[in-house]
Amino acid sequence: MLLKSDPYALPHPTAEQAQLEQQKQAWLEQQKMEWFDKRRAEWEAAGKPVPWAEWVAERELEWAVKELPNRELAWT
């Protein structure tokens, strides 16, 4: 009860909001896989100039920093 009376308490997500968040996450995962596949094709066409593990780590960082914020804006 105390939590409900606190004006700074976070609202509890509804079932509809939870379902919308799941849809958003599924859409973002699909976007990431499409983006990743395109980058991998470019990497393979370039002759694989860097080792796989290093390349994957760089792409994960690039996705998180550059692409994900833009895709989340596109979702809205």
C-alpha atoms as a PDB file:
ATOM      1  CA  MET A   1       0.000   0.000   0.000  1.00  0.00           C
ATOM      2  CA  LEU A   2       2.828   2.360   0.772  1.00  0.00           C
ATOM      3  CA  LEU A   3       4.187   1.900  -2.742  1.00  0.00           C
ATOM      4  CA  LYS A   4       0.910   3.014  -4.318  1.00  0.00           C
ATOM      5  CA  SER A   5       0.808   6.194  -2.274  1.00  0.00           C
ATOM      6  CA  ASP A   6       4.390   7.134  -3.183  1.00  0.00           C
ATOM      7  CA  PRO A   7       4.235   9.733  -5.988  1.00  0.00           C
ATOM      8  CA  TYR A   8       7.672   8.629  -7.239  1.00  0.00           C
ATOM      9  CA  ALA A   9       6.807   4.922  -7.476  1.00  0.00           C
ATOM     10  CA  LEU A  10       6.967   3.342 -10.904  1.00  0.00           C
ATOM     11  CA  PRO A  11       3.615   2.226 -12.316  1.00  0.00           C
ATOM     12  CA  HIS A  12       3.022  -1.500 -12.646  1.00  0.00           C
ATOM     13  CA  PRO A  13       2.979  -2.640 -16.274  1.00  0.00           C
ATOM     14  CA  THR A  14      -0.327  -3.909 -17.570  1.00  0.00           C
ATOM     15  CA  ALA A  15      -0.772  -7.119 -19.563  1.00  0.00           C
ATOM     16  CA  GLU A  16      -1.193  -5.023 -22.711  1.00  0.00           C
ATOM     17  CA  GLN A  17       2.071  -3.166 -22.073  1.00  0.00           C
ATOM     18  CA  ALA A  18       3.875  -6.447 -21.429  1.00  0.00           C
ATOM     19  CA  GLN A  19       2.565  -7.893 -24.695  1.00  0.00           C
ATOM     20  CA  LEU A  20       3.580  -4.745 -26.570  1.00  0.00           C
ATOM     21  CA  GLU A  21       7.070  -4.967 -25.070  1.00  0.00           C
ATOM     22  CA  GLN A  22       7.342  -8.596 -26.197  1.00  0.00           C
ATOM     23  CA  GLN A  23       6.320  -7.603 -29.720  1.00  0.00           C
ATOM     24  CA  LYS A  24       8.880  -4.810 -29.684  1.00  0.00           C
ATOM     25  CA  GLN A  25      11.657  -7.161 -28.533  1.00  0.00           C
ATOM     26  CA  ALA A  26      10.745  -9.726 -31.210  1.00  0.00           C
ATOM     27  CA  TRP A  27      10.763  -6.998 -33.868  1.00  0.00           C
ATOM     28  CA  LEU A  28      14.111  -5.662 -32.664  1.00  0.00           C
ATOM     29  CA  GLU A  29      15.589  -9.170 -32.728  1.00  0.00           C
ATOM     30  CA  GLN A  30      14.405  -9.614 -36.309  1.00  0.00           C
ATOM     31  CA  GLN A  31      15.890  -6.238 -37.262  1.00  0.00           C
ATOM     32  CA  LYS A  32      19.181  -7.164 -35.604  1.00  0.00           C
ATOM     33  CA  MET A  33      19.428 -10.491 -37.442  1.00  0.00           C
ATOM     34  CA  GLU A  34      18.737  -8.825 -40.807  1.00  0.00           C
ATOM     35  CA  TRP A  35      21.303  -6.126 -40.082  1.00  0.00           C
ATOM     36  CA  PHE A  36      23.836  -8.669 -38.824  1.00  0.00           C
ATOM     37  CA  ASP A  37      23.382 -10.931 -41.881  1.00  0.00           C
ATOM     38  CA  LYS A  38      23.986  -7.980 -44.194  1.00  0.00           C
ATOM     39  CA  ARG A  39      27.175  -7.023 -42.310  1.00  0.00           C
ATOM     40  CA  ARG A  40      28.365 -10.641 -42.324  1.00  0.00           C
ATOM     41  CA  ALA A  41      27.904 -10.865 -46.100  1.00  0.00           C
ATOM     42  CA  GLU A  42      29.984  -7.686 -46.488  1.00  0.00           C
ATOM     43  CA  TRP A  43      32.666  -9.121 -44.173  1.00  0.00           C
ATOM     44  CA  GLU A  44      32.808 -12.378 -46.126  1.00  0.00           C
ATOM     45  CA  ALA A  45      32.944 -10.515 -49.456  1.00  0.00           C
ATOM     46  CA  ALA A  46      35.875  -8.486 -48.128  1.00  0.00           C
ATOM     47  CA  GLY A  47      37.810 -11.690 -47.526  1.00  0.00           C
ATOM     48  CA  LYS A  48      37.297 -11.896 -43.747  1.00  0.00           C
ATOM     49  CA  PRO A  49      40.049  -9.403 -42.858  1.00  0.00           C
ATOM     50  CA  VAL A  50      39.589  -9.800 -39.063  1.00  0.00           C
ATOM     51  CA  PRO A  51      39.033 -12.949 -36.971  1.00  0.00           C
ATOM     52  CA  TRP A  52      35.432 -14.032 -36.385  1.00  0.00           C
ATOM     53  CA  ALA A  53      35.382 -13.474 -32.605  1.00  0.00           C
ATOM     54  CA  GLU A  54      36.760  -9.955 -32.949  1.00  0.00           C
ATOM     55  CA  TRP A  55      34.370  -9.169 -35.782  1.00  0.00           C
ATOM     56  CA  VAL A  56      31.321 -10.385 -33.818  1.00  0.00           C
ATOM     57  CA  ALA A  57      32.301  -8.341 -30.763  1.00  0.00           C
ATOM     58  CA  GLU A  58      32.690  -5.225 -32.897  1.00  0.00           C
ATOM     59  CA  ARG A  59      29.289  -5.778 -34.548  1.00  0.00           C
ATOM     60  CA  GLU A  60      27.561  -6.307 -31.185  1.00  0.00           C
ATOM     61  CA  LEU A  61      28.989  -3.011 -29.950  1.00  0.00           C
ATOM     62  CA  GLU A  62      28.069  -1.247 -33.187  1.00  0.00           C
ATOM     63  CA  TRP A  63      24.502  -2.568 -32.913  1.00  0.00           C
ATOM     64  CA  ALA A  64      24.124  -1.498 -29.282  1.00  0.00           C
ATOM     65  CA  VAL A  65      25.612   1.963 -29.766  1.00  0.00           C
ATOM     66  CA  LYS A  66      24.541   3.016 -33.248  1.00  0.00           C
ATOM     67  CA  GLU A  67      21.708   0.887 -34.553  1.00  0.00           C
ATOM     68  CA  LEU A  68      19.566  -0.063 -31.559  1.00  0.00           C
ATOM     69  CA  PRO A  69      18.636   3.504 -30.549  1.00  0.00           C
ATOM     70  CA  ASN A  70      17.588   4.267 -34.130  1.00  0.00           C
ATOM     71  CA  ARG A  71      15.534   1.083 -34.405  1.00  0.00           C
ATOM     72  CA  GLU A  72      13.786   1.816 -31.096  1.00  0.00           C
ATOM     73  CA  LEU A  73      12.851   5.233 -32.444  1.00  0.00           C
ATOM     74  CA  ALA A  74      11.558   3.607 -35.623  1.00  0.00           C
ATOM     75  CA  TRP A  75       9.371   1.321 -33.499  1.00  0.00           C
ATOM     76  CA  THR A  76       7.659   4.294 -31.896  1.00  0.00           C
END
